[in-house]
Amino acid sequence: MSEVAAYVLGVDEGRAVALLSSVLGPLVCEDGNPDSFRIHTAGAVTVVVIPNEGMLEIWVHHSQAWASSPEFARFLAAGLECTVRCDPDAEAPDIDPCSDALLEIDREGERIVTPT
């Protein structure tokens, strides 16, 4: 897969970027608007970080480091010791792909949630 995404709750952007750099290589902030998004690159890999009310929406493009968004979210949850949400993808075939349901991962486990 070349694109994964996750929502990281309650973590500073610098910590998240540092963790991603440990896998992707040094990330350089290339562009963005400090109030709405930042684009980081490491070679051909692009990371888009969108801060939103105590949450970071993180998209990684053109990387083979994670096979799916749930795998990416598990990496973030473990490495940042926080709660992470993502699209459950094929790991939850009984969930309608058009629903608002997300896979939530934290140190207590994994569950399907519907954000309110």
PDB file of N, CA and C in Angstrom:
ATOM      1  N   MET A   1       0.855  -1.184   0.000  1.00  0.00           N
ATOM      2  CA  MET A   1       0.000   0.000   0.000  1.00  0.00           C
ATOM      3  C   MET A   1       0.891   1.233   0.000  1.00  0.00           C
ATOM      4  N   SER A   2       0.453   2.258  -0.656  1.00  0.00           N
ATOM      5  CA  SER A   2       1.281   3.454  -0.698  1.00  0.00           C
ATOM      6  C   SER A   2       0.681   4.613   0.088  1.00  0.00           C
ATOM      7  N   GLU A   3      -0.477   4.412   0.720  1.00  0.00           N
ATOM      8  CA  GLU A   3      -1.075   5.486   1.507  1.00  0.00           C
ATOM      9  C   GLU A   3      -1.731   4.907   2.753  1.00  0.00           C
ATOM     10  N   VAL A   4      -1.380   5.462   3.909  1.00  0.00           N
ATOM     11  CA  VAL A   4      -2.012   5.076   5.168  1.00  0.00           C
ATOM     12  C   VAL A   4      -2.371   6.346   5.922  1.00  0.00           C
ATOM     13  N   ALA A   5      -3.335   6.227   6.830  1.00  0.00           N
ATOM     14  CA  ALA A   5      -3.766   7.400   7.590  1.00  0.00           C
ATOM     15  C   ALA A   5      -4.222   6.976   8.973  1.00  0.00           C
ATOM     16  N   ALA A   6      -4.065   7.895   9.928  1.00  0.00           N
ATOM     17  CA  ALA A   6      -4.519   7.638  11.292  1.00  0.00           C
ATOM     18  C   ALA A   6      -4.771   8.964  11.993  1.00  0.00           C
ATOM     19  N   TYR A   7      -5.575   8.893  13.052  1.00  0.00           N
ATOM     20  CA  TYR A   7      -5.894  10.042  13.890  1.00  0.00           C
ATOM     21  C   TYR A   7      -5.270   9.793  15.258  1.00  0.00           C
ATOM     22  N   VAL A   8      -4.334  10.641  15.645  1.00  0.00           N
ATOM     23  CA  VAL A   8      -3.588  10.484  16.891  1.00  0.00           C
ATOM     24  C   VAL A   8      -4.152  11.472  17.902  1.00  0.00           C
ATOM     25  N   LEU A   9      -4.566  10.967  19.055  1.00  0.00           N
ATOM     26  CA  LEU A   9      -5.196  11.816  20.062  1.00  0.00           C
ATOM     27  C   LEU A   9      -4.207  12.233  21.148  1.00  0.00           C
ATOM     28  N   GLY A  10      -4.171  13.541  21.432  1.00  0.00           N
ATOM     29  CA  GLY A  10      -3.445  14.074  22.572  1.00  0.00           C
ATOM     30  C   GLY A  10      -1.936  13.982  22.521  1.00  0.00           C
ATOM     31  N   VAL A  11      -1.345  14.052  21.348  1.00  0.00           N
ATOM     32  CA  VAL A  11       0.115  13.953  21.223  1.00  0.00           C
ATOM     33  C   VAL A  11       0.638  15.175  20.486  1.00  0.00           C
ATOM     34  N   ASP A  12       1.767  15.679  20.937  1.00  0.00           N
ATOM     35  CA  ASP A  12       2.434  16.796  20.289  1.00  0.00           C
ATOM     36  C   ASP A  12       2.931  16.375  18.904  1.00  0.00           C
ATOM     37  N   GLU A  13       2.784  17.251  17.953  1.00  0.00           N
ATOM     38  CA  GLU A  13       3.200  16.952  16.583  1.00  0.00           C
ATOM     39  C   GLU A  13       4.682  16.590  16.490  1.00  0.00           C
ATOM     40  N   GLY A  14       5.511  17.259  17.257  1.00  0.00           N
ATOM     41  CA  GLY A  14       6.947  16.975  17.226  1.00  0.00           C
ATOM     42  C   GLY A  14       7.265  15.538  17.598  1.00  0.00           C
ATOM     43  N   ARG A  15       6.566  15.007  18.594  1.00  0.00           N
ATOM     44  CA  ARG A  15       6.772  13.601  18.981  1.00  0.00           C
ATOM     45  C   ARG A  15       6.368  12.657  17.863  1.00  0.00           C
ATOM     46  N   ALA A  16       5.238  12.949  17.233  1.00  0.00           N
ATOM     47  CA  ALA A  16       4.756  12.089  16.149  1.00  0.00           C
ATOM     48  C   ALA A  16       5.724  12.113  14.965  1.00  0.00           C
ATOM     49  N   VAL A  17       6.194  13.289  14.601  1.00  0.00           N
ATOM     50  CA  VAL A  17       7.129  13.408  13.477  1.00  0.00           C
ATOM     51  C   VAL A  17       8.445  12.706  13.810  1.00  0.00           C
ATOM     52  N   ALA A  18       8.906  12.829  15.046  1.00  0.00           N
ATOM     53  CA  ALA A  18      10.147  12.151  15.444  1.00  0.00           C
ATOM     54  C   ALA A  18       9.999  10.632  15.334  1.00  0.00           C
ATOM     55  N   LEU A  19       8.861  10.108  15.770  1.00  0.00           N
ATOM     56  CA  LEU A  19       8.639   8.663  15.667  1.00  0.00           C
ATOM     57  C   LEU A  19       8.608   8.227  14.203  1.00  0.00           C
ATOM     58  N   LEU A  20       7.911   8.967  13.372  1.00  0.00           N
ATOM     59  CA  LEU A  20       7.862   8.625  11.948  1.00  0.00           C
ATOM     60  C   LEU A  20       9.244   8.710  11.310  1.00  0.00           C
ATOM     61  N   SER A  21      10.036   9.680  11.725  1.00  0.00           N
ATOM     62  CA  SER A  21      11.401   9.821  11.197  1.00  0.00           C
ATOM     63  C   SER A  21      12.257   8.607  11.528  1.00  0.00           C
ATOM     64  N   SER A  22      11.964   7.952  12.638  1.00  0.00           N
ATOM     65  CA  SER A  22      12.752   6.775  13.023  1.00  0.00           C
ATOM     66  C   SER A  22      12.571   5.626  12.036  1.00  0.00           C
ATOM     67  N   VAL A  23      11.482   5.650  11.278  1.00  0.00           N
ATOM     68  CA  VAL A  23      11.214   4.606  10.283  1.00  0.00           C
ATOM     69  C   VAL A  23      11.446   5.114   8.862  1.00  0.00           C
ATOM     70  N   LEU A  24      11.004   6.325   8.596  1.00  0.00           N
ATOM     71  CA  LEU A  24      11.024   6.854   7.230  1.00  0.00           C
ATOM     72  C   LEU A  24      12.305   7.600   6.878  1.00  0.00           C
ATOM     73  N   GLY A  25      13.102   7.925   7.878  1.00  0.00           N
ATOM     74  CA  GLY A  25      14.265   8.777   7.673  1.00  0.00           C
ATOM     75  C   GLY A  25      13.911  10.192   8.085  1.00  0.00           C
ATOM     76  N   PRO A  26      14.904  11.072   8.126  1.00  0.00           N
ATOM     77  CA  PRO A  26      14.650  12.441   8.575  1.00  0.00           C
ATOM     78  C   PRO A  26      13.562  13.123   7.742  1.00  0.00           C
ATOM     79  N   LEU A  27      12.544  13.604   8.427  1.00  0.00           N
ATOM     80  CA  LEU A  27      11.450  14.310   7.757  1.00  0.00           C
ATOM     81  C   LEU A  27      11.728  15.809   7.784  1.00  0.00           C
ATOM     82  N   VAL A  28      11.614  16.429   6.631  1.00  0.00           N
ATOM     83  CA  VAL A  28      11.844  17.860   6.487  1.00  0.00           C
ATOM     84  C   VAL A  28      10.506  18.526   6.209  1.00  0.00           C
ATOM     85  N   CYS A  29      10.182  19.569   6.977  1.00  0.00           N
ATOM     86  CA  CYS A  29       8.939  20.304   6.747  1.00  0.00           C
ATOM     87  C   CYS A  29       9.115  21.144   5.488  1.00  0.00           C
ATOM     88  N   GLU A  30       8.353  20.805   4.457  1.00  0.00           N
ATOM     89  CA  GLU A  30       8.486  21.450   3.153  1.00  0.00           C
ATOM     90  C   GLU A  30       7.498  22.580   2.935  1.00  0.00           C
ATOM     91  N   ASP A  31       6.308  22.430   3.476  1.00  0.00           N
ATOM     92  CA  ASP A  31       5.255  23.382   3.150  1.00  0.00           C
ATOM     93  C   ASP A  31       4.174  23.280   4.208  1.00  0.00           C
ATOM     94  N   GLY A  32       3.281  24.226   4.173  1.00  0.00           N
ATOM     95  CA  GLY A  32       2.129  24.144   5.049  1.00  0.00           C
ATOM     96  C   GLY A  32       1.702  25.485   5.575  1.00  0.00           C
ATOM     97  N   ASN A  33       0.616  25.445   6.282  1.00  0.00           N
ATOM     98  CA  ASN A  33       0.064  26.597   6.959  1.00  0.00           C
ATOM     99  C   ASN A  33       0.072  26.231   8.436  1.00  0.00           C
ATOM    100  N   PRO A  34       0.793  26.958   9.273  1.00  0.00           N
ATOM    101  CA  PRO A  34       0.910  26.575  10.686  1.00  0.00           C
ATOM    102  C   PRO A  34      -0.428  26.355  11.388  1.00  0.00           C
ATOM    103  N   ASP A  35      -1.479  26.985  10.891  1.00  0.00           N
ATOM    104  CA  ASP A  35      -2.784  26.840  11.531  1.00  0.00           C
ATOM    105  C   ASP A  35      -3.600  25.667  11.007  1.00  0.00           C
ATOM    106  N   SER A  36      -3.209  25.095   9.857  1.00  0.00           N
ATOM    107  CA  SER A  36      -4.075  24.064   9.302  1.00  0.00           C
ATOM    108  C   SER A  36      -3.385  22.768   8.881  1.00  0.00           C
ATOM    109  N   PHE A  37      -2.161  22.804   8.386  1.00  0.00           N
ATOM    110  CA  PHE A  37      -1.505  21.565   7.967  1.00  0.00           C
ATOM    111  C   PHE A  37      -0.017  21.804   7.751  1.00  0.00           C
ATOM    112  N   ARG A  38       0.732  20.698   7.743  1.00  0.00           N
ATOM    113  CA  ARG A  38       2.137  20.738   7.398  1.00  0.00           C
ATOM    114  C   ARG A  38       2.461  19.538   6.520  1.00  0.00           C
ATOM    115  N   ILE A  39       3.364  19.745   5.576  1.00  0.00           N
ATOM    116  CA  ILE A  39       3.807  18.669   4.693  1.00  0.00           C
ATOM    117  C   ILE A  39       5.282  18.417   4.971  1.00  0.00           C
ATOM    118  N   HIS A  40       5.596  17.173   5.333  1.00  0.00           N
ATOM    119  CA  HIS A  40       6.973  16.757   5.598  1.00  0.00           C
ATOM    120  C   HIS A  40       7.369  15.750   4.522  1.00  0.00           C
ATOM    121  N   THR A  41       8.640  15.747   4.153  1.00  0.00           N
ATOM    122  CA  THR A  41       9.106  14.777   3.172  1.00  0.00           C
ATOM    123  C   THR A  41      10.376  14.090   3.658  1.00  0.00           C
ATOM    124  N   ALA A  42      10.533  12.866   3.188  1.00  0.00           N
ATOM    125  CA  ALA A  42      11.760  12.085   3.369  1.00  0.00           C
ATOM    126  C   ALA A  42      11.945  11.336   2.057  1.00  0.00           C
ATOM    127  N   GLY A  43      12.756  11.879   1.178  1.00  0.00           N
ATOM    128  CA  GLY A  43      12.882  11.300  -0.155  1.00  0.00           C
ATOM    129  C   GLY A  43      11.555  11.406  -0.879  1.00  0.00           C
ATOM    130  N   ALA A  44      11.069  10.279  -1.405  1.00  0.00           N
ATOM    131  CA  ALA A  44       9.802  10.263  -2.140  1.00  0.00           C
ATOM    132  C   ALA A  44       8.587  10.185  -1.223  1.00  0.00           C
ATOM    133  N   VAL A  45       8.810   9.950   0.060  1.00  0.00           N
ATOM    134  CA  VAL A  45       7.708   9.804   1.017  1.00  0.00           C
ATOM    135  C   VAL A  45       7.212  11.181   1.447  1.00  0.00           C
ATOM    136  N   THR A  46       5.896  11.320   1.479  1.00  0.00           N
ATOM    137  CA  THR A  46       5.268  12.559   1.928  1.00  0.00           C
ATOM    138  C   THR A  46       4.399  12.262   3.141  1.00  0.00           C
ATOM    139  N   VAL A  47       4.541  13.083   4.168  1.00  0.00           N
ATOM    140  CA  VAL A  47       3.720  12.967   5.373  1.00  0.00           C
ATOM    141  C   VAL A  47       2.958  14.276   5.532  1.00  0.00           C
ATOM    142  N   VAL A  48       1.643  14.179   5.601  1.00  0.00           N
ATOM    143  CA  VAL A  48       0.799  15.352   5.811  1.00  0.00           C
ATOM    144  C   VAL A  48       0.244  15.266   7.230  1.00  0.00           C
ATOM    145  N   VAL A  49       0.441  16.333   7.999  1.00  0.00           N
ATOM    146  CA  VAL A  49      -0.052  16.391   9.373  1.00  0.00           C
ATOM    147  C   VAL A  49      -1.062  17.527   9.462  1.00  0.00           C
ATOM    148  N   ILE A  50      -2.268  17.174   9.914  1.00  0.00           N
ATOM    149  CA  ILE A  50      -3.343  18.158  10.048  1.00  0.00           C
ATOM    150  C   ILE A  50      -3.773  18.188  11.514  1.00  0.00           C
ATOM    151  N   PRO A  51      -3.403  19.238  12.256  1.00  0.00           N
ATOM    152  CA  PRO A  51      -3.844  19.335  13.651  1.00  0.00           C
ATOM    153  C   PRO A  51      -5.305  19.779  13.724  1.00  0.00           C
ATOM    154  N   ASN A  52      -6.040  19.190  14.682  1.00  0.00           N
ATOM    155  CA  ASN A  52      -7.454  19.530  14.809  1.00  0.00           C
ATOM    156  C   ASN A  52      -7.932  19.248  16.229  1.00  0.00           C
ATOM    157  N   GLU A  53      -8.023  20.269  17.054  1.00  0.00           N
ATOM    158  CA  GLU A  53      -8.596  20.181  18.399  1.00  0.00           C
ATOM    159  C   GLU A  53      -8.081  18.993  19.208  1.00  0.00           C
ATOM    160  N   GLY A  54      -6.794  18.978  19.503  1.00  0.00           N
ATOM    161  CA  GLY A  54      -6.221  17.931  20.337  1.00  0.00           C
ATOM    162  C   GLY A  54      -5.963  16.620  19.623  1.00  0.00           C
ATOM    163  N   MET A  55      -6.093  16.631  18.322  1.00  0.00           N
ATOM    164  CA  MET A  55      -5.885  15.422  17.529  1.00  0.00           C
ATOM    165  C   MET A  55      -5.013  15.779  16.329  1.00  0.00           C
ATOM    166  N   LEU A  56      -4.202  14.823  15.898  1.00  0.00           N
ATOM    167  CA  LEU A  56      -3.425  14.988  14.676  1.00  0.00           C
ATOM    168  C   LEU A  56      -3.923  13.978  13.655  1.00  0.00           C
ATOM    169  N   GLU A  57      -4.302  14.447  12.500  1.00  0.00           N
ATOM    170  CA  GLU A  57      -4.618  13.558  11.386  1.00  0.00           C
ATOM    171  C   GLU A  57      -3.322  13.422  10.597  1.00  0.00           C
ATOM    172  N   ILE A  58      -2.837  12.199  10.457  1.00  0.00           N
ATOM    173  CA  ILE A  58      -1.548  11.973   9.799  1.00  0.00           C
ATOM    174  C   ILE A  58      -1.750  11.052   8.599  1.00  0.00           C
ATOM    175  N   TRP A  59      -1.300  11.513   7.449  1.00  0.00           N
ATOM    176  CA  TRP A  59      -1.343  10.745   6.204  1.00  0.00           C
ATOM    177  C   TRP A  59       0.083  10.500   5.745  1.00  0.00           C
ATOM    178  N   VAL A  60       0.390   9.279   5.374  1.00  0.00           N
ATOM    179  CA  VAL A  60       1.703   8.953   4.813  1.00  0.00           C
ATOM    180  C   VAL A  60       1.476   8.438   3.394  1.00  0.00           C
ATOM    181  N   HIS A  61       2.116   9.105   2.445  1.00  0.00           N
ATOM    182  CA  HIS A  61       1.978   8.753   1.027  1.00  0.00           C
ATOM    183  C   HIS A  61       3.305   8.209   0.490  1.00  0.00           C
ATOM    184  N   HIS A  62       3.220   7.235  -0.388  1.00  0.00           N
ATOM    185  CA  HIS A  62       4.371   6.687  -1.121  1.00  0.00           C
ATOM    186  C   HIS A  62       5.367   5.968  -0.217  1.00  0.00           C
ATOM    187  N   SER A  63       4.865   5.277   0.785  1.00  0.00           N
ATOM    188  CA  SER A  63       5.734   4.498   1.671  1.00  0.00           C
ATOM    189  C   SER A  63       5.223   3.062   1.733  1.00  0.00           C
ATOM    190  N   GLN A  64       6.138   2.140   1.814  1.00  0.00           N
ATOM    191  CA  GLN A  64       5.784   0.731   1.977  1.00  0.00           C
ATOM    192  C   GLN A  64       6.015   0.270   3.422  1.00  0.00           C
ATOM    193  N   ALA A  65       6.247   1.207   4.332  1.00  0.00           N
ATOM    194  CA  ALA A  65       6.568   0.854   5.719  1.00  0.00           C
ATOM    195  C   ALA A  65       5.417   0.152   6.432  1.00  0.00           C
ATOM    196  N   TRP A  66       4.179   0.487   6.078  1.00  0.00           N
ATOM    197  CA  TRP A  66       3.013  -0.117   6.717  1.00  0.00           C
ATOM    198  C   TRP A  66       2.069  -0.612   5.633  1.00  0.00           C
ATOM    199  N   ALA A  67       1.578  -1.819   5.797  1.00  0.00           N
ATOM    200  CA  ALA A  67       0.726  -2.431   4.773  1.00  0.00           C
ATOM    201  C   ALA A  67      -0.708  -1.911   4.798  1.00  0.00           C
ATOM    202  N   SER A  68      -1.119  -1.335   5.925  1.00  0.00           N
ATOM    203  CA  SER A  68      -2.503  -0.876   6.053  1.00  0.00           C
ATOM    204  C   SER A  68      -2.580   0.236   7.089  1.00  0.00           C
ATOM    205  N   SER A  69      -3.689   0.945   7.085  1.00  0.00           N
ATOM    206  CA  SER A  69      -3.894   1.976   8.105  1.00  0.00           C
ATOM    207  C   SER A  69      -3.948   1.382   9.510  1.00  0.00           C
ATOM    208  N   PRO A  70      -4.602   0.223   9.732  1.00  0.00           N
ATOM    209  CA  PRO A  70      -4.551  -0.365  11.072  1.00  0.00           C
ATOM    210  C   PRO A  70      -3.123  -0.702  11.523  1.00  0.00           C
ATOM    211  N   GLU A  71      -2.296  -1.197  10.621  1.00  0.00           N
ATOM    212  CA  GLU A  71      -0.902  -1.487  10.984  1.00  0.00           C
ATOM    213  C   GLU A  71      -0.174  -0.193  11.361  1.00  0.00           C
ATOM    214  N   PHE A  72      -0.412   0.865  10.607  1.00  0.00           N
ATOM    215  CA  PHE A  72       0.168   2.174  10.888  1.00  0.00           C
ATOM    216  C   PHE A  72      -0.320   2.692  12.243  1.00  0.00           C
ATOM    217  N   ALA A  73      -1.609   2.566  12.496  1.00  0.00           N
ATOM    218  CA  ALA A  73      -2.179   3.033  13.763  1.00  0.00           C
ATOM    219  C   ALA A  73      -1.608   2.258  14.950  1.00  0.00           C
ATOM    220  N   ARG A  74      -1.417   0.961  14.794  1.00  0.00           N
ATOM    221  CA  ARG A  74      -0.812   0.165  15.878  1.00  0.00           C
ATOM    222  C   ARG A  74       0.612   0.644  16.175  1.00  0.00           C
ATOM    223  N   PHE A  75       1.358   0.941  15.127  1.00  0.00           N
ATOM    224  CA  PHE A  75       2.714   1.464  15.293  1.00  0.00           C
ATOM    225  C   PHE A  75       2.683   2.776  16.074  1.00  0.00           C
ATOM    226  N   LEU A  76       1.802   3.681  15.686  1.00  0.00           N
ATOM    227  CA  LEU A  76       1.713   4.975  16.364  1.00  0.00           C
ATOM    228  C   LEU A  76       1.261   4.820  17.813  1.00  0.00           C
ATOM    229  N   ALA A  77       0.254   3.994  18.049  1.00  0.00           N
ATOM    230  CA  ALA A  77      -0.264   3.808  19.410  1.00  0.00           C
ATOM    231  C   ALA A  77       0.818   3.248  20.331  1.00  0.00           C
ATOM    232  N   ALA A  78       1.576   2.288  19.843  1.00  0.00           N
ATOM    233  CA  ALA A  78       2.638   1.688  20.661  1.00  0.00           C
ATOM    234  C   ALA A  78       3.796   2.662  20.856  1.00  0.00           C
ATOM    235  N   GLY A  79       4.217   3.309  19.796  1.00  0.00           N
ATOM    236  CA  GLY A  79       5.377   4.187  19.867  1.00  0.00           C
ATOM    237  C   GLY A  79       5.134   5.481  20.611  1.00  0.00           C
ATOM    238  N   LEU A  80       3.906   5.974  20.561  1.00  0.00           N
ATOM    239  CA  LEU A  80       3.574   7.235  21.223  1.00  0.00           C
ATOM    240  C   LEU A  80       2.826   7.027  22.534  1.00  0.00           C
ATOM    241  N   GLU A  81       2.482   5.770  22.821  1.00  0.00           N
ATOM    242  CA  GLU A  81       1.734   5.427  24.035  1.00  0.00           C
ATOM    243  C   GLU A  81       0.496   6.304  24.171  1.00  0.00           C
ATOM    244  N   CYS A  82      -0.355   6.226  23.152  1.00  0.00           N
ATOM    245  CA  CYS A  82      -1.544   7.066  23.120  1.00  0.00           C
ATOM    246  C   CYS A  82      -2.684   6.314  22.442  1.00  0.00           C
ATOM    247  N   THR A  83      -3.795   6.998  22.276  1.00  0.00           N
ATOM    248  CA  THR A  83      -4.938   6.452  21.555  1.00  0.00           C
ATOM    249  C   THR A  83      -4.864   6.904  20.106  1.00  0.00           C
ATOM    250  N   VAL A  84      -5.078   5.954  19.204  1.00  0.00           N
ATOM    251  CA  VAL A  84      -5.039   6.240  17.770  1.00  0.00           C
ATOM    252  C   VAL A  84      -6.276   5.613  17.135  1.00  0.00           C
ATOM    253  N   ARG A  85      -6.843   6.316  16.181  1.00  0.00           N
ATOM    254  CA  ARG A  85      -7.997   5.806  15.439  1.00  0.00           C
ATOM    255  C   ARG A  85      -7.672   5.777  13.951  1.00  0.00           C
ATOM    256  N   CYS A  86      -8.311   4.839  13.254  1.00  0.00           N
ATOM    257  CA  CYS A  86      -8.120   4.748  11.807  1.00  0.00           C
ATOM    258  C   CYS A  86      -9.300   4.024  11.184  1.00  0.00           C
ATOM    259  N   ASP A  87      -9.346   4.059   9.872  1.00  0.00           N
ATOM    260  CA  ASP A  87     -10.323   3.278   9.125  1.00  0.00           C
ATOM    261  C   ASP A  87      -9.961   1.809   9.325  1.00  0.00           C
ATOM    262  N   PRO A  88     -10.922   0.964   9.674  1.00  0.00           N
ATOM    263  CA  PRO A  88     -10.589  -0.443   9.916  1.00  0.00           C
ATOM    264  C   PRO A  88     -10.184  -1.214   8.666  1.00  0.00           C
ATOM    265  N   ASP A  89     -10.419  -0.662   7.495  1.00  0.00           N
ATOM    266  CA  ASP A  89     -10.046  -1.307   6.231  1.00  0.00           C
ATOM    267  C   ASP A  89     -10.578  -2.733   6.166  1.00  0.00           C
ATOM    268  N   ALA A  90      -9.830  -3.606   5.555  1.00  0.00           N
ATOM    269  CA  ALA A  90     -10.253  -4.998   5.349  1.00  0.00           C
ATOM    270  C   ALA A  90     -10.213  -5.823   6.628  1.00  0.00           C
ATOM    271  N   GLU A  91      -9.660  -5.272   7.701  1.00  0.00           N
ATOM    272  CA  GLU A  91      -9.592  -6.019   8.957  1.00  0.00           C
ATOM    273  C   GLU A  91     -10.954  -6.150   9.628  1.00  0.00           C
ATOM    274  N   ALA A  92     -11.921  -5.399   9.173  1.00  0.00           N
ATOM    275  CA  ALA A  92     -13.275  -5.476   9.719  1.00  0.00           C
ATOM    276  C   ALA A  92     -14.259  -5.582   8.559  1.00  0.00           C
ATOM    277  N   PRO A  93     -14.289  -6.739   7.892  1.00  0.00           N
ATOM    278  CA  PRO A  93     -15.125  -6.870   6.696  1.00  0.00           C
ATOM    279  C   PRO A  93     -16.621  -6.713   6.964  1.00  0.00           C
ATOM    280  N   ASP A  94     -17.042  -6.877   8.216  1.00  0.00           N
ATOM    281  CA  ASP A  94     -18.458  -6.739   8.543  1.00  0.00           C
ATOM    282  C   ASP A  94     -18.878  -5.277   8.734  1.00  0.00           C
ATOM    283  N   ILE A  95     -17.917  -4.355   8.734  1.00  0.00           N
ATOM    284  CA  ILE A  95     -18.213  -2.930   8.883  1.00  0.00           C
ATOM    285  C   ILE A  95     -18.429  -2.325   7.497  1.00  0.00           C
ATOM    286  N   ASP A  96     -19.528  -1.636   7.334  1.00  0.00           N
ATOM    287  CA  ASP A  96     -19.819  -0.963   6.067  1.00  0.00           C
ATOM    288  C   ASP A  96     -18.738   0.083   5.803  1.00  0.00           C
ATOM    289  N   PRO A  97     -18.051   0.018   4.660  1.00  0.00           N
ATOM    290  CA  PRO A  97     -16.979   0.977   4.383  1.00  0.00           C
ATOM    291  C   PRO A  97     -17.460   2.427   4.311  1.00  0.00           C
ATOM    292  N   CYS A  98     -18.754   2.631   4.178  1.00  0.00           N
ATOM    293  CA  CYS A  98     -19.304   3.991   4.135  1.00  0.00           C
ATOM    294  C   CYS A  98     -19.716   4.499   5.516  1.00  0.00           C
ATOM    295  N   SER A  99     -19.556   3.664   6.534  1.00  0.00           N
ATOM    296  CA  SER A  99     -19.960   4.079   7.880  1.00  0.00           C
ATOM    297  C   SER A  99     -18.902   4.989   8.499  1.00  0.00           C
ATOM    298  N   ASP A 100     -19.242   5.581   9.632  1.00  0.00           N
ATOM    299  CA  ASP A 100     -18.312   6.436  10.370  1.00  0.00           C
ATOM    300  C   ASP A 100     -17.467   5.638  11.359  1.00  0.00           C
ATOM    301  N   ALA A 101     -17.612   4.327  11.374  1.00  0.00           N
ATOM    302  CA  ALA A 101     -16.907   3.487  12.347  1.00  0.00           C
ATOM    303  C   ALA A 101     -15.397   3.556  12.140  1.00  0.00           C
ATOM    304  N   LEU A 102     -14.684   3.622  13.257  1.00  0.00           N
ATOM    305  CA  LEU A 102     -13.223   3.647  13.238  1.00  0.00           C
ATOM    306  C   LEU A 102     -12.680   2.568  14.163  1.00  0.00           C
ATOM    307  N   LEU A 103     -11.502   2.095  13.850  1.00  0.00           N
ATOM    308  CA  LEU A 103     -10.781   1.202  14.743  1.00  0.00           C
ATOM    309  C   LEU A 103     -10.019   2.083  15.722  1.00  0.00           C
ATOM    310  N   GLU A 104     -10.250   1.881  17.017  1.00  0.00           N
ATOM    311  CA  GLU A 104      -9.553   2.641  18.054  1.00  0.00           C
ATOM    312  C   GLU A 104      -8.562   1.713  18.736  1.00  0.00           C
ATOM    313  N   ILE A 105      -7.318   2.168  18.858  1.00  0.00           N
ATOM    314  CA  ILE A 105      -6.243   1.358  19.422  1.00  0.00           C
ATOM    315  C   ILE A 105      -5.590   2.142  20.552  1.00  0.00           C
ATOM    316  N   ASP A 106      -5.428   1.488  21.694  1.00  0.00           N
ATOM    317  CA  ASP A 106      -4.696   2.082  22.811  1.00  0.00           C
ATOM    318  C   ASP A 106      -4.060   0.950  23.605  1.00  0.00           C
ATOM    319  N   ARG A 107      -3.491   1.264  24.752  1.00  0.00           N
ATOM    320  CA  ARG A 107      -2.779   0.225  25.511  1.00  0.00           C
ATOM    321  C   ARG A 107      -3.713  -0.838  26.081  1.00  0.00           C
ATOM    322  N   GLU A 108      -5.004  -0.564  26.082  1.00  0.00           N
ATOM    323  CA  GLU A 108      -5.968  -1.543  26.587  1.00  0.00           C
ATOM    324  C   GLU A 108      -6.487  -2.473  25.505  1.00  0.00           C
ATOM    325  N   GLY A 109      -6.173  -2.185  24.246  1.00  0.00           N
ATOM    326  CA  GLY A 109      -6.608  -3.066  23.174  1.00  0.00           C
ATOM    327  C   GLY A 109      -7.170  -2.321  21.981  1.00  0.00           C
ATOM    328  N   GLU A 110      -8.008  -3.034  21.243  1.00  0.00           N
ATOM    329  CA  GLU A 110      -8.602  -2.489  20.027  1.00  0.00           C
ATOM    330  C   GLU A 110     -10.109  -2.675  20.070  1.00  0.00           C
ATOM    331  N   ARG A 111     -10.819  -1.705  19.497  1.00  0.00           N
ATOM    332  CA  ARG A 111     -12.272  -1.776  19.452  1.00  0.00           C
ATOM    333  C   ARG A 111     -12.770  -0.912  18.298  1.00  0.00           C
ATOM    334  N   ILE A 112     -13.952  -1.204  17.830  1.00  0.00           N
ATOM    335  CA  ILE A 112     -14.597  -0.366  16.817  1.00  0.00           C
ATOM    336  C   ILE A 112     -15.422   0.687  17.550  1.00  0.00           C
ATOM    337  N   VAL A 113     -15.253   1.950  17.155  1.00  0.00           N
ATOM    338  CA  VAL A 113     -15.990   3.053  17.768  1.00  0.00           C
ATOM    339  C   VAL A 113     -16.624   3.895  16.672  1.00  0.00           C
ATOM    340  N   THR A 114     -17.654   4.615  17.052  1.00  0.00           N
ATOM    341  CA  THR A 114     -18.266   5.593  16.163  1.00  0.00           C
ATOM    342  C   THR A 114     -18.118   6.945  16.835  1.00  0.00           C
ATOM    343  N   PRO A 115     -17.275   7.817  16.283  1.00  0.00           N
ATOM    344  CA  PRO A 115     -17.058   9.128  16.907  1.00  0.00           C
ATOM    345  C   PRO A 115     -18.357   9.918  17.007  1.00  0.00           C
ATOM    346  N   THR A 116     -18.450  10.687  18.082  1.00  0.00           N
ATOM    347  CA  THR A 116     -19.645  11.520  18.278  1.00  0.00           C
ATOM    348  C   THR A 116     -19.324  12.967  18.028  1.00  0.00           C
TER     349      THR A 116
END
